[in-house]
N, C-alpha and C. Protein backbone atom coordinates (compact mmCIF):
# COMPACT_ATOMS: atom_id res chain seq x y z
N MET A 1 -3.80 25.73 -14.62
CA MET A 1 -3.66 26.27 -13.26
C MET A 1 -2.19 26.53 -12.93
N THR A 2 -1.50 27.09 -13.92
CA THR A 2 -0.07 27.33 -13.73
C THR A 2 0.22 28.38 -12.67
N ASP A 3 -0.79 29.22 -12.35
CA ASP A 3 -0.57 30.25 -11.32
C ASP A 3 -0.83 29.72 -9.91
N TYR A 4 -1.28 28.46 -9.83
CA TYR A 4 -1.52 27.84 -8.52
C TYR A 4 -0.23 27.22 -7.99
N LEU A 5 -0.15 27.14 -6.67
CA LEU A 5 0.91 26.39 -6.02
C LEU A 5 0.30 25.06 -5.59
N THR A 6 0.82 23.96 -6.12
CA THR A 6 0.26 22.64 -5.84
C THR A 6 1.09 21.94 -4.77
N ILE A 7 0.41 21.47 -3.73
CA ILE A 7 1.08 20.88 -2.57
C ILE A 7 0.59 19.45 -2.36
N ALA A 8 1.50 18.49 -2.34
CA ALA A 8 1.15 17.10 -2.07
C ALA A 8 1.16 16.86 -0.56
N LEU A 9 0.07 16.29 -0.06
CA LEU A 9 -0.05 16.00 1.37
C LEU A 9 -0.29 14.51 1.58
N PRO A 10 0.31 13.93 2.63
CA PRO A 10 0.04 12.52 2.94
C PRO A 10 -1.28 12.41 3.69
N LYS A 11 -2.13 11.50 3.25
CA LYS A 11 -3.43 11.33 3.89
C LYS A 11 -3.26 11.03 5.37
N GLY A 12 -4.11 11.64 6.19
CA GLY A 12 -4.06 11.37 7.62
C GLY A 12 -3.64 12.56 8.45
N ARG A 13 -3.02 12.28 9.59
CA ARG A 13 -2.71 13.30 10.58
C ARG A 13 -1.77 14.38 10.05
N LEU A 14 -0.77 14.00 9.26
CA LEU A 14 0.16 15.00 8.74
C LEU A 14 -0.55 16.02 7.85
N ALA A 15 -1.51 15.55 7.06
CA ALA A 15 -2.26 16.47 6.20
C ALA A 15 -3.07 17.44 7.07
N GLU A 16 -3.71 16.93 8.10
CA GLU A 16 -4.51 17.79 8.98
C GLU A 16 -3.63 18.82 9.69
N ASP A 17 -2.48 18.38 10.19
CA ASP A 17 -1.57 19.30 10.88
C ASP A 17 -1.04 20.37 9.92
N THR A 18 -0.77 19.98 8.68
CA THR A 18 -0.26 20.94 7.69
C THR A 18 -1.31 22.00 7.36
N VAL A 19 -2.53 21.54 7.11
CA VAL A 19 -3.61 22.48 6.78
C VAL A 19 -3.87 23.42 7.96
N ASN A 20 -3.85 22.89 9.17
CA ASN A 20 -4.04 23.73 10.36
C ASN A 20 -2.95 24.79 10.46
N LEU A 21 -1.71 24.39 10.23
CA LEU A 21 -0.59 25.33 10.30
C LEU A 21 -0.72 26.42 9.25
N LEU A 22 -0.99 26.03 8.01
CA LEU A 22 -1.08 27.02 6.92
C LEU A 22 -2.26 27.96 7.11
N SER A 23 -3.36 27.45 7.65
CA SER A 23 -4.52 28.31 7.87
C SER A 23 -4.28 29.26 9.04
N GLN A 24 -3.59 28.78 10.07
CA GLN A 24 -3.27 29.64 11.21
C GLN A 24 -2.37 30.80 10.80
N ARG A 25 -1.53 30.57 9.81
CA ARG A 25 -0.61 31.61 9.34
C ARG A 25 -1.20 32.41 8.18
N ASN A 26 -2.49 32.17 7.89
CA ASN A 26 -3.22 32.89 6.83
C ASN A 26 -2.60 32.69 5.45
N ILE A 27 -1.99 31.53 5.24
CA ILE A 27 -1.46 31.20 3.92
C ILE A 27 -2.58 30.60 3.06
N ILE A 28 -3.52 29.94 3.72
CA ILE A 28 -4.69 29.38 3.03
C ILE A 28 -5.93 29.66 3.88
N ASN A 29 -7.11 29.47 3.27
CA ASN A 29 -8.36 29.57 4.01
C ASN A 29 -8.55 28.31 4.86
N GLU A 30 -9.08 28.47 6.05
CA GLU A 30 -9.18 27.34 6.98
C GLU A 30 -10.10 26.23 6.48
N ASN A 31 -11.03 26.54 5.59
CA ASN A 31 -11.94 25.52 5.08
C ASN A 31 -11.54 25.01 3.69
N SER A 32 -10.26 25.12 3.39
CA SER A 32 -9.79 24.72 2.06
C SER A 32 -9.92 23.22 1.81
N VAL A 33 -9.79 22.43 2.87
CA VAL A 33 -9.81 20.97 2.71
C VAL A 33 -10.90 20.36 3.58
N ASP A 34 -11.68 19.47 2.99
CA ASP A 34 -12.70 18.73 3.72
C ASP A 34 -12.17 17.32 3.96
N PHE A 35 -11.74 17.05 5.19
CA PHE A 35 -11.13 15.76 5.49
C PHE A 35 -12.15 14.63 5.57
N ASN A 36 -13.42 14.95 5.51
CA ASN A 36 -14.45 13.92 5.48
C ASN A 36 -14.80 13.51 4.06
N SER A 37 -14.24 14.21 3.09
CA SER A 37 -14.52 13.92 1.69
C SER A 37 -13.57 12.86 1.16
N ARG A 38 -13.99 12.18 0.10
CA ARG A 38 -13.14 11.20 -0.56
C ARG A 38 -12.40 11.81 -1.75
N LYS A 39 -12.54 13.12 -1.93
CA LYS A 39 -11.84 13.79 -3.02
C LYS A 39 -10.33 13.74 -2.80
N LEU A 40 -9.59 13.79 -3.89
CA LEU A 40 -8.13 13.79 -3.84
C LEU A 40 -7.56 15.18 -4.10
N PHE A 41 -8.36 16.07 -4.72
CA PHE A 41 -7.92 17.44 -4.99
C PHE A 41 -8.79 18.43 -4.21
N PHE A 42 -8.15 19.45 -3.66
CA PHE A 42 -8.87 20.53 -2.99
C PHE A 42 -8.23 21.85 -3.40
N ASP A 43 -9.07 22.81 -3.81
CA ASP A 43 -8.56 24.09 -4.28
C ASP A 43 -8.93 25.23 -3.34
N ASP A 44 -8.01 26.16 -3.21
CA ASP A 44 -8.24 27.42 -2.50
C ASP A 44 -8.06 28.53 -3.54
N PRO A 45 -9.13 28.88 -4.27
CA PRO A 45 -9.01 29.84 -5.37
C PRO A 45 -8.52 31.21 -4.92
N HIS A 46 -8.90 31.63 -3.71
CA HIS A 46 -8.50 32.96 -3.24
C HIS A 46 -6.99 33.07 -3.09
N ASN A 47 -6.37 32.01 -2.55
CA ASN A 47 -4.92 32.04 -2.31
C ASN A 47 -4.13 31.31 -3.38
N LYS A 48 -4.83 30.79 -4.40
CA LYS A 48 -4.18 30.11 -5.52
C LYS A 48 -3.33 28.92 -5.04
N VAL A 49 -3.95 28.07 -4.21
CA VAL A 49 -3.28 26.88 -3.71
C VAL A 49 -4.15 25.66 -4.01
N ARG A 50 -3.52 24.61 -4.48
CA ARG A 50 -4.22 23.34 -4.71
C ARG A 50 -3.53 22.26 -3.89
N PHE A 51 -4.33 21.42 -3.21
CA PHE A 51 -3.79 20.31 -2.44
C PHE A 51 -4.10 18.99 -3.14
N LEU A 52 -3.14 18.09 -3.10
CA LEU A 52 -3.32 16.75 -3.63
C LEU A 52 -3.08 15.76 -2.49
N MET A 53 -4.06 14.90 -2.21
CA MET A 53 -3.96 13.93 -1.14
C MET A 53 -3.47 12.59 -1.70
N VAL A 54 -2.33 12.10 -1.20
CA VAL A 54 -1.75 10.86 -1.70
C VAL A 54 -1.21 10.03 -0.52
N ARG A 55 -0.77 8.81 -0.80
CA ARG A 55 -0.12 7.99 0.22
C ARG A 55 1.20 8.64 0.62
N ASN A 56 1.58 8.49 1.88
CA ASN A 56 2.78 9.18 2.35
C ASN A 56 4.03 8.80 1.56
N MET A 57 4.17 7.53 1.20
CA MET A 57 5.34 7.09 0.44
C MET A 57 5.37 7.66 -0.98
N ASP A 58 4.22 8.14 -1.47
CA ASP A 58 4.14 8.66 -2.83
C ASP A 58 4.40 10.16 -2.92
N VAL A 59 4.39 10.86 -1.79
CA VAL A 59 4.59 12.32 -1.81
C VAL A 59 5.89 12.70 -2.52
N PRO A 60 7.04 12.10 -2.17
CA PRO A 60 8.28 12.50 -2.85
C PRO A 60 8.23 12.28 -4.36
N THR A 61 7.56 11.22 -4.80
CA THR A 61 7.49 10.92 -6.23
C THR A 61 6.71 12.00 -6.98
N TYR A 62 5.56 12.41 -6.44
CA TYR A 62 4.77 13.46 -7.08
C TYR A 62 5.54 14.77 -7.15
N VAL A 63 6.30 15.07 -6.12
CA VAL A 63 7.05 16.32 -6.10
C VAL A 63 8.28 16.24 -6.99
N GLU A 64 9.02 15.16 -6.88
CA GLU A 64 10.26 15.02 -7.66
C GLU A 64 9.99 15.07 -9.16
N HIS A 65 8.88 14.48 -9.60
CA HIS A 65 8.58 14.42 -11.03
C HIS A 65 7.74 15.59 -11.53
N GLY A 66 7.54 16.59 -10.68
CA GLY A 66 6.94 17.84 -11.13
C GLY A 66 5.43 17.88 -11.14
N ALA A 67 4.76 16.86 -10.60
CA ALA A 67 3.30 16.90 -10.53
C ALA A 67 2.85 17.89 -9.45
N CYS A 68 3.71 18.15 -8.47
CA CYS A 68 3.42 19.11 -7.40
C CYS A 68 4.64 19.98 -7.17
N ASP A 69 4.39 21.21 -6.74
CA ASP A 69 5.49 22.13 -6.43
C ASP A 69 6.13 21.81 -5.09
N LEU A 70 5.27 21.59 -4.10
CA LEU A 70 5.70 21.34 -2.73
C LEU A 70 5.08 20.05 -2.21
N GLY A 71 5.64 19.55 -1.12
CA GLY A 71 5.07 18.38 -0.46
C GLY A 71 5.42 18.39 1.01
N VAL A 72 4.65 17.67 1.78
CA VAL A 72 4.94 17.48 3.20
C VAL A 72 5.10 15.98 3.42
N VAL A 73 6.25 15.60 3.99
CA VAL A 73 6.55 14.18 4.13
C VAL A 73 7.49 13.98 5.32
N GLY A 74 7.41 12.82 5.94
CA GLY A 74 8.27 12.51 7.07
C GLY A 74 9.72 12.36 6.66
N LYS A 75 10.63 12.74 7.54
CA LYS A 75 12.06 12.60 7.29
C LYS A 75 12.43 11.14 7.07
N ASP A 76 11.72 10.22 7.74
CA ASP A 76 12.00 8.79 7.56
C ASP A 76 11.82 8.37 6.11
N ILE A 77 10.80 8.88 5.45
CA ILE A 77 10.55 8.51 4.06
C ILE A 77 11.60 9.13 3.14
N LEU A 78 12.02 10.34 3.44
CA LEU A 78 13.08 10.97 2.64
C LEU A 78 14.37 10.16 2.73
N LEU A 79 14.69 9.67 3.92
CA LEU A 79 15.91 8.89 4.09
C LEU A 79 15.79 7.53 3.40
N GLU A 80 14.59 6.98 3.39
CA GLU A 80 14.38 5.68 2.74
C GLU A 80 14.45 5.78 1.22
N LEU A 81 13.81 6.81 0.66
CA LEU A 81 13.71 6.92 -0.80
C LEU A 81 14.82 7.74 -1.43
N ASN A 82 15.42 8.64 -0.65
CA ASN A 82 16.50 9.52 -1.14
C ASN A 82 16.12 10.22 -2.44
N PRO A 83 14.98 10.93 -2.48
CA PRO A 83 14.56 11.60 -3.71
C PRO A 83 15.39 12.86 -3.97
N ASP A 84 15.38 13.29 -5.23
CA ASP A 84 16.14 14.48 -5.63
C ASP A 84 15.26 15.71 -5.45
N LEU A 85 15.19 16.22 -4.21
CA LEU A 85 14.30 17.31 -3.85
C LEU A 85 15.06 18.34 -3.01
N TYR A 86 14.47 19.54 -2.92
CA TYR A 86 14.91 20.49 -1.91
C TYR A 86 14.15 20.19 -0.62
N GLU A 87 14.87 20.11 0.48
CA GLU A 87 14.23 19.98 1.78
C GLU A 87 14.33 21.34 2.46
N PHE A 88 13.21 22.06 2.50
CA PHE A 88 13.22 23.45 2.93
C PHE A 88 13.10 23.64 4.44
N LYS A 89 12.25 22.83 5.08
CA LYS A 89 11.94 23.18 6.47
C LYS A 89 11.46 21.99 7.28
N ASP A 90 11.92 21.93 8.53
CA ASP A 90 11.39 20.99 9.51
C ASP A 90 10.15 21.65 10.11
N LEU A 91 8.99 21.01 9.91
CA LEU A 91 7.73 21.60 10.37
C LEU A 91 7.44 21.34 11.84
N LYS A 92 8.27 20.53 12.49
CA LYS A 92 8.21 20.33 13.94
C LYS A 92 6.96 19.60 14.42
N PHE A 93 6.26 18.91 13.52
CA PHE A 93 5.17 18.05 13.97
C PHE A 93 5.30 16.69 13.28
N GLY A 94 4.42 15.77 13.65
CA GLY A 94 4.49 14.43 13.08
C GLY A 94 5.65 13.62 13.64
N PHE A 95 6.01 13.89 14.91
CA PHE A 95 7.16 13.21 15.49
C PHE A 95 6.90 11.71 15.65
N CYS A 96 7.90 10.91 15.27
CA CYS A 96 7.86 9.48 15.51
C CYS A 96 9.30 8.95 15.49
N ARG A 97 9.46 7.71 15.90
CA ARG A 97 10.78 7.08 15.92
C ARG A 97 10.76 5.83 15.07
N LEU A 98 11.83 5.60 14.34
CA LEU A 98 12.00 4.36 13.60
C LEU A 98 12.86 3.45 14.46
N CYS A 99 12.30 2.32 14.86
CA CYS A 99 12.96 1.47 15.85
C CYS A 99 13.11 0.03 15.37
N VAL A 100 14.07 -0.65 15.98
CA VAL A 100 14.17 -2.11 15.86
C VAL A 100 13.37 -2.68 17.03
N ALA A 101 12.56 -3.68 16.75
CA ALA A 101 11.78 -4.34 17.80
C ALA A 101 11.81 -5.85 17.58
N ALA A 102 11.66 -6.57 18.68
CA ALA A 102 11.70 -8.04 18.63
C ALA A 102 10.79 -8.61 19.70
N LYS A 103 10.58 -9.93 19.64
CA LYS A 103 9.80 -10.59 20.68
C LYS A 103 10.48 -10.39 22.03
N LYS A 104 9.66 -10.22 23.06
CA LYS A 104 10.21 -9.99 24.39
C LYS A 104 11.11 -11.16 24.80
N SER A 105 12.31 -10.79 25.28
CA SER A 105 13.29 -11.80 25.65
C SER A 105 14.30 -11.19 26.60
N ASN A 106 14.93 -12.03 27.39
CA ASN A 106 15.97 -11.53 28.29
C ASN A 106 17.23 -11.17 27.52
N THR A 107 17.45 -11.83 26.41
CA THR A 107 18.64 -11.57 25.60
C THR A 107 18.24 -11.39 24.14
N ILE A 108 18.41 -10.19 23.63
CA ILE A 108 18.14 -9.91 22.22
C ILE A 108 19.46 -9.53 21.57
N SER A 109 19.87 -10.32 20.59
CA SER A 109 21.14 -10.04 19.92
C SER A 109 20.96 -10.12 18.41
N TYR A 110 21.78 -9.39 17.68
CA TYR A 110 21.74 -9.40 16.23
C TYR A 110 22.66 -10.49 15.69
N ALA A 111 22.33 -11.00 14.50
CA ALA A 111 23.16 -12.05 13.90
C ALA A 111 23.14 -11.89 12.38
N HIS A 112 24.20 -12.39 11.75
CA HIS A 112 24.25 -12.39 10.29
C HIS A 112 23.08 -13.20 9.72
N ASP A 113 22.57 -12.71 8.61
CA ASP A 113 21.50 -13.40 7.86
C ASP A 113 20.18 -13.47 8.60
N MET A 114 20.02 -12.74 9.69
CA MET A 114 18.70 -12.72 10.33
C MET A 114 17.73 -11.96 9.42
N ARG A 115 16.48 -12.28 9.55
CA ARG A 115 15.46 -11.66 8.71
C ARG A 115 14.83 -10.47 9.42
N VAL A 116 14.69 -9.38 8.66
CA VAL A 116 14.14 -8.13 9.18
C VAL A 116 12.91 -7.76 8.37
N ALA A 117 11.76 -7.69 9.02
CA ALA A 117 10.53 -7.29 8.34
C ALA A 117 10.36 -5.79 8.46
N THR A 118 10.13 -5.13 7.34
CA THR A 118 10.02 -3.67 7.34
C THR A 118 9.57 -3.16 5.98
N LYS A 119 9.04 -1.94 5.96
CA LYS A 119 8.84 -1.27 4.68
C LYS A 119 9.99 -0.30 4.40
N PHE A 120 10.86 -0.13 5.41
CA PHE A 120 12.04 0.74 5.27
C PHE A 120 13.27 -0.12 4.98
N VAL A 121 13.26 -0.74 3.83
CA VAL A 121 14.29 -1.71 3.48
C VAL A 121 15.68 -1.08 3.41
N ASN A 122 15.79 0.06 2.77
CA ASN A 122 17.11 0.69 2.60
C ASN A 122 17.69 1.16 3.93
N ILE A 123 16.85 1.79 4.75
CA ILE A 123 17.31 2.25 6.06
C ILE A 123 17.75 1.06 6.91
N ALA A 124 16.94 -0.01 6.90
CA ALA A 124 17.27 -1.19 7.71
C ALA A 124 18.59 -1.81 7.28
N LYS A 125 18.78 -1.99 5.97
CA LYS A 125 20.02 -2.58 5.48
C LYS A 125 21.22 -1.72 5.85
N ASP A 126 21.09 -0.40 5.67
CA ASP A 126 22.21 0.50 5.99
C ASP A 126 22.51 0.48 7.49
N PHE A 127 21.46 0.44 8.31
CA PHE A 127 21.65 0.45 9.75
C PHE A 127 22.42 -0.78 10.22
N PHE A 128 22.00 -1.96 9.78
CA PHE A 128 22.68 -3.17 10.22
C PHE A 128 24.06 -3.31 9.58
N ALA A 129 24.19 -2.82 8.34
CA ALA A 129 25.51 -2.85 7.69
C ALA A 129 26.50 -1.99 8.46
N SER A 130 26.02 -0.88 9.05
CA SER A 130 26.91 -0.02 9.84
C SER A 130 27.42 -0.73 11.09
N LYS A 131 26.71 -1.79 11.47
CA LYS A 131 27.14 -2.61 12.62
C LYS A 131 27.91 -3.85 12.17
N GLY A 132 28.16 -3.93 10.85
CA GLY A 132 28.88 -5.08 10.32
C GLY A 132 28.03 -6.33 10.18
N ILE A 133 26.71 -6.13 10.09
CA ILE A 133 25.79 -7.27 10.01
C ILE A 133 25.02 -7.23 8.70
N LEU A 134 25.08 -8.32 7.94
CA LEU A 134 24.31 -8.43 6.71
C LEU A 134 22.99 -9.14 7.03
N VAL A 135 21.89 -8.54 6.62
CA VAL A 135 20.58 -9.10 6.95
C VAL A 135 19.76 -9.37 5.69
N GLU A 136 18.77 -10.22 5.85
CA GLU A 136 17.78 -10.46 4.79
C GLU A 136 16.54 -9.65 5.16
N THR A 137 16.04 -8.85 4.23
CA THR A 137 14.86 -8.04 4.51
C THR A 137 13.61 -8.67 3.90
N VAL A 138 12.52 -8.57 4.64
CA VAL A 138 11.21 -8.99 4.15
C VAL A 138 10.36 -7.75 4.09
N LYS A 139 9.99 -7.33 2.88
CA LYS A 139 9.26 -6.08 2.73
C LYS A 139 7.77 -6.28 2.98
N LEU A 140 7.26 -5.56 3.97
CA LEU A 140 5.83 -5.58 4.29
C LEU A 140 5.32 -4.15 4.35
N TYR A 141 4.04 -3.95 4.06
CA TYR A 141 3.46 -2.61 4.07
C TYR A 141 2.52 -2.38 5.23
N GLY A 142 2.19 -3.42 5.96
CA GLY A 142 1.27 -3.26 7.09
C GLY A 142 1.32 -4.48 8.00
N SER A 143 0.79 -4.32 9.22
CA SER A 143 0.76 -5.40 10.21
C SER A 143 2.14 -6.02 10.40
N ILE A 144 3.15 -5.18 10.42
CA ILE A 144 4.54 -5.66 10.52
C ILE A 144 4.79 -6.32 11.87
N GLU A 145 4.04 -5.92 12.89
CA GLU A 145 4.27 -6.44 14.25
C GLU A 145 4.06 -7.95 14.36
N ILE A 146 3.25 -8.52 13.47
CA ILE A 146 2.99 -9.96 13.60
C ILE A 146 4.08 -10.81 12.95
N ALA A 147 4.99 -10.21 12.19
CA ALA A 147 6.01 -11.00 11.48
C ALA A 147 6.86 -11.85 12.42
N PRO A 148 7.37 -11.31 13.54
CA PRO A 148 8.15 -12.18 14.44
C PRO A 148 7.30 -13.26 15.11
N LEU A 149 6.04 -12.97 15.35
CA LEU A 149 5.16 -13.92 16.02
C LEU A 149 4.87 -15.14 15.14
N LEU A 150 4.93 -14.93 13.81
CA LEU A 150 4.69 -16.02 12.86
C LEU A 150 5.99 -16.58 12.31
N ASN A 151 7.10 -16.15 12.92
CA ASN A 151 8.44 -16.59 12.50
C ASN A 151 8.77 -16.22 11.05
N LEU A 152 8.13 -15.16 10.59
CA LEU A 152 8.46 -14.63 9.27
C LEU A 152 9.75 -13.81 9.33
N ALA A 153 10.03 -13.25 10.51
CA ALA A 153 11.23 -12.43 10.69
C ALA A 153 11.72 -12.55 12.12
N ASP A 154 12.99 -12.26 12.29
CA ASP A 154 13.59 -12.27 13.64
C ASP A 154 13.31 -10.97 14.37
N VAL A 155 13.38 -9.87 13.64
CA VAL A 155 13.10 -8.55 14.21
C VAL A 155 12.33 -7.74 13.17
N ILE A 156 11.79 -6.60 13.61
CA ILE A 156 11.15 -5.68 12.68
C ILE A 156 11.81 -4.32 12.80
N VAL A 157 11.70 -3.53 11.76
CA VAL A 157 12.08 -2.12 11.80
C VAL A 157 10.83 -1.35 11.39
N ASP A 158 10.30 -0.57 12.34
CA ASP A 158 9.02 0.09 12.07
C ASP A 158 8.93 1.40 12.85
N LEU A 159 7.96 2.23 12.46
CA LEU A 159 7.73 3.48 13.15
C LEU A 159 7.00 3.24 14.46
N VAL A 160 7.42 3.96 15.48
CA VAL A 160 6.84 3.83 16.81
C VAL A 160 6.53 5.22 17.35
N SER A 161 5.34 5.37 17.93
CA SER A 161 5.03 6.64 18.59
C SER A 161 4.97 6.42 20.09
N THR A 162 4.01 5.63 20.56
CA THR A 162 3.91 5.37 22.01
C THR A 162 4.47 4.01 22.40
N GLY A 163 4.54 3.08 21.45
CA GLY A 163 5.02 1.74 21.76
C GLY A 163 3.93 0.78 22.21
N GLU A 164 2.69 1.27 22.32
CA GLU A 164 1.59 0.44 22.81
C GLU A 164 1.28 -0.72 21.85
N THR A 165 1.35 -0.46 20.54
CA THR A 165 1.06 -1.53 19.57
C THR A 165 2.07 -2.66 19.70
N LEU A 166 3.34 -2.32 19.93
CA LEU A 166 4.37 -3.34 20.12
C LEU A 166 4.04 -4.20 21.35
N LYS A 167 3.72 -3.53 22.45
CA LYS A 167 3.44 -4.25 23.69
C LYS A 167 2.26 -5.20 23.54
N LYS A 168 1.22 -4.73 22.85
CA LYS A 168 0.01 -5.54 22.70
C LYS A 168 0.26 -6.78 21.84
N ASN A 169 1.34 -6.73 21.05
CA ASN A 169 1.67 -7.87 20.19
C ASN A 169 2.90 -8.62 20.67
N GLY A 170 3.25 -8.42 21.95
CA GLY A 170 4.32 -9.19 22.55
C GLY A 170 5.72 -8.82 22.10
N LEU A 171 5.87 -7.58 21.63
CA LEU A 171 7.18 -7.12 21.17
C LEU A 171 7.72 -6.05 22.09
N GLU A 172 9.02 -5.81 22.00
CA GLU A 172 9.63 -4.72 22.75
C GLU A 172 10.68 -4.03 21.88
N GLU A 173 10.88 -2.76 22.15
CA GLU A 173 11.88 -2.00 21.41
C GLU A 173 13.28 -2.47 21.79
N VAL A 174 14.14 -2.58 20.77
CA VAL A 174 15.53 -2.93 20.99
C VAL A 174 16.38 -1.67 20.98
N GLU A 175 16.22 -0.86 19.93
CA GLU A 175 16.90 0.43 19.88
C GLU A 175 16.27 1.31 18.82
N THR A 176 16.53 2.60 18.94
CA THR A 176 16.02 3.58 17.99
C THR A 176 17.04 3.82 16.89
N ILE A 177 16.59 3.76 15.64
CA ILE A 177 17.46 4.03 14.50
C ILE A 177 17.52 5.52 14.21
N LEU A 178 16.34 6.15 14.20
CA LEU A 178 16.28 7.58 13.92
C LEU A 178 14.98 8.16 14.43
N GLU A 179 14.97 9.48 14.58
CA GLU A 179 13.75 10.22 14.91
C GLU A 179 13.32 11.02 13.69
N SER A 180 12.03 11.15 13.52
CA SER A 180 11.50 11.77 12.30
C SER A 180 10.42 12.79 12.62
N THR A 181 10.42 13.87 11.83
CA THR A 181 9.33 14.85 11.86
C THR A 181 8.96 15.20 10.42
N ALA A 182 7.87 15.91 10.24
CA ALA A 182 7.41 16.29 8.90
C ALA A 182 8.31 17.37 8.31
N ARG A 183 8.61 17.24 7.03
CA ARG A 183 9.45 18.20 6.33
C ARG A 183 8.72 18.79 5.12
N LEU A 184 8.99 20.07 4.85
CA LEU A 184 8.47 20.73 3.65
C LEU A 184 9.51 20.57 2.56
N VAL A 185 9.12 19.92 1.46
CA VAL A 185 10.05 19.66 0.36
C VAL A 185 9.53 20.30 -0.92
N ALA A 186 10.42 20.46 -1.89
CA ALA A 186 10.04 21.13 -3.14
C ALA A 186 10.72 20.51 -4.34
N ASN A 187 10.05 20.58 -5.48
CA ASN A 187 10.64 20.19 -6.75
C ASN A 187 11.72 21.22 -7.11
N LYS A 188 12.88 20.75 -7.50
CA LYS A 188 14.00 21.66 -7.72
C LYS A 188 13.77 22.66 -8.84
N ASN A 189 13.17 22.21 -9.94
CA ASN A 189 12.94 23.12 -11.07
C ASN A 189 11.78 24.07 -10.81
N LEU A 190 10.67 23.53 -10.28
CA LEU A 190 9.50 24.36 -10.03
C LEU A 190 9.75 25.36 -8.91
N ALA A 191 10.60 24.99 -7.96
CA ALA A 191 10.92 25.91 -6.87
C ALA A 191 11.62 27.16 -7.39
N LYS A 192 12.39 26.99 -8.47
CA LYS A 192 13.06 28.14 -9.08
C LYS A 192 12.05 29.03 -9.80
N CYS A 193 11.09 28.40 -10.48
CA CYS A 193 10.08 29.16 -11.22
C CYS A 193 9.15 29.93 -10.28
N LYS A 194 8.87 29.35 -9.13
CA LYS A 194 7.94 29.97 -8.17
C LYS A 194 8.68 30.38 -6.90
N TYR A 195 9.92 30.77 -7.09
CA TYR A 195 10.81 31.04 -5.96
C TYR A 195 10.24 32.08 -5.00
N ASN A 196 9.75 33.20 -5.53
CA ASN A 196 9.29 34.28 -4.66
C ASN A 196 8.12 33.85 -3.79
N ARG A 197 7.21 33.08 -4.39
CA ARG A 197 6.04 32.62 -3.63
C ARG A 197 6.43 31.65 -2.53
N ILE A 198 7.28 30.71 -2.88
CA ILE A 198 7.72 29.72 -1.90
C ILE A 198 8.55 30.39 -0.81
N LYS A 199 9.39 31.33 -1.20
CA LYS A 199 10.22 32.04 -0.22
C LYS A 199 9.34 32.79 0.78
N GLU A 200 8.24 33.36 0.31
CA GLU A 200 7.34 34.09 1.18
C GLU A 200 6.65 33.16 2.18
N ILE A 201 6.25 31.98 1.70
CA ILE A 201 5.62 30.99 2.59
C ILE A 201 6.59 30.57 3.69
N ILE A 202 7.82 30.30 3.31
CA ILE A 202 8.83 29.89 4.28
C ILE A 202 9.09 31.03 5.29
N ARG A 203 9.10 32.26 4.79
CA ARG A 203 9.31 33.41 5.68
C ARG A 203 8.21 33.48 6.72
N ILE A 204 6.96 33.30 6.28
CA ILE A 204 5.82 33.35 7.21
C ILE A 204 5.91 32.21 8.21
N LEU A 205 6.29 31.01 7.75
CA LEU A 205 6.37 29.87 8.66
C LEU A 205 7.51 30.04 9.66
N ASP A 206 8.52 30.81 9.30
CA ASP A 206 9.66 31.02 10.20
C ASP A 206 9.39 32.07 11.26
N GLU A 207 8.32 32.83 11.11
CA GLU A 207 8.04 33.92 12.07
C GLU A 207 7.67 33.36 13.44
């Protein structure tokens, strides 16, 4: 299927938003992907596009190593993993904030050697280092909000959209580290081989 353009999508809302956008711009057929299916591959034979559904943290890996030509992934993950990719376009959806949060208190202060629970270990370390603070990170992949409640960590660094989950677990935002949206990325070598096709897609998305 060398004539196909293979696109890695993160399972969930970003994948749905991407497929909606591409179908609205007539880049793919609107029924190309069945989100109720457990399949990992979906083909659009008419437009020569194949989609691969993977975990969001894995999208850059599939693209960087040439398993996919393109991928859609949050800017937060690109900053965390720092993959060797082309970042072509901000797709303007999937907005979220990466924030520091802690148990509700009248005084929240940072300290050396405090423990930070997060899956964004590199971003967290760099953020606190920029403030002159060395921290210990505890890497978690889910239910990060409970870490301070169980004294596993002093603060967390996690993605926040509305903040309701933090409130329900007795936490509050301390500050925002960065804002993130979905980005269209490409494998550097494959992007050169399929340059005209990718350039046309970007042109249509820019209209």
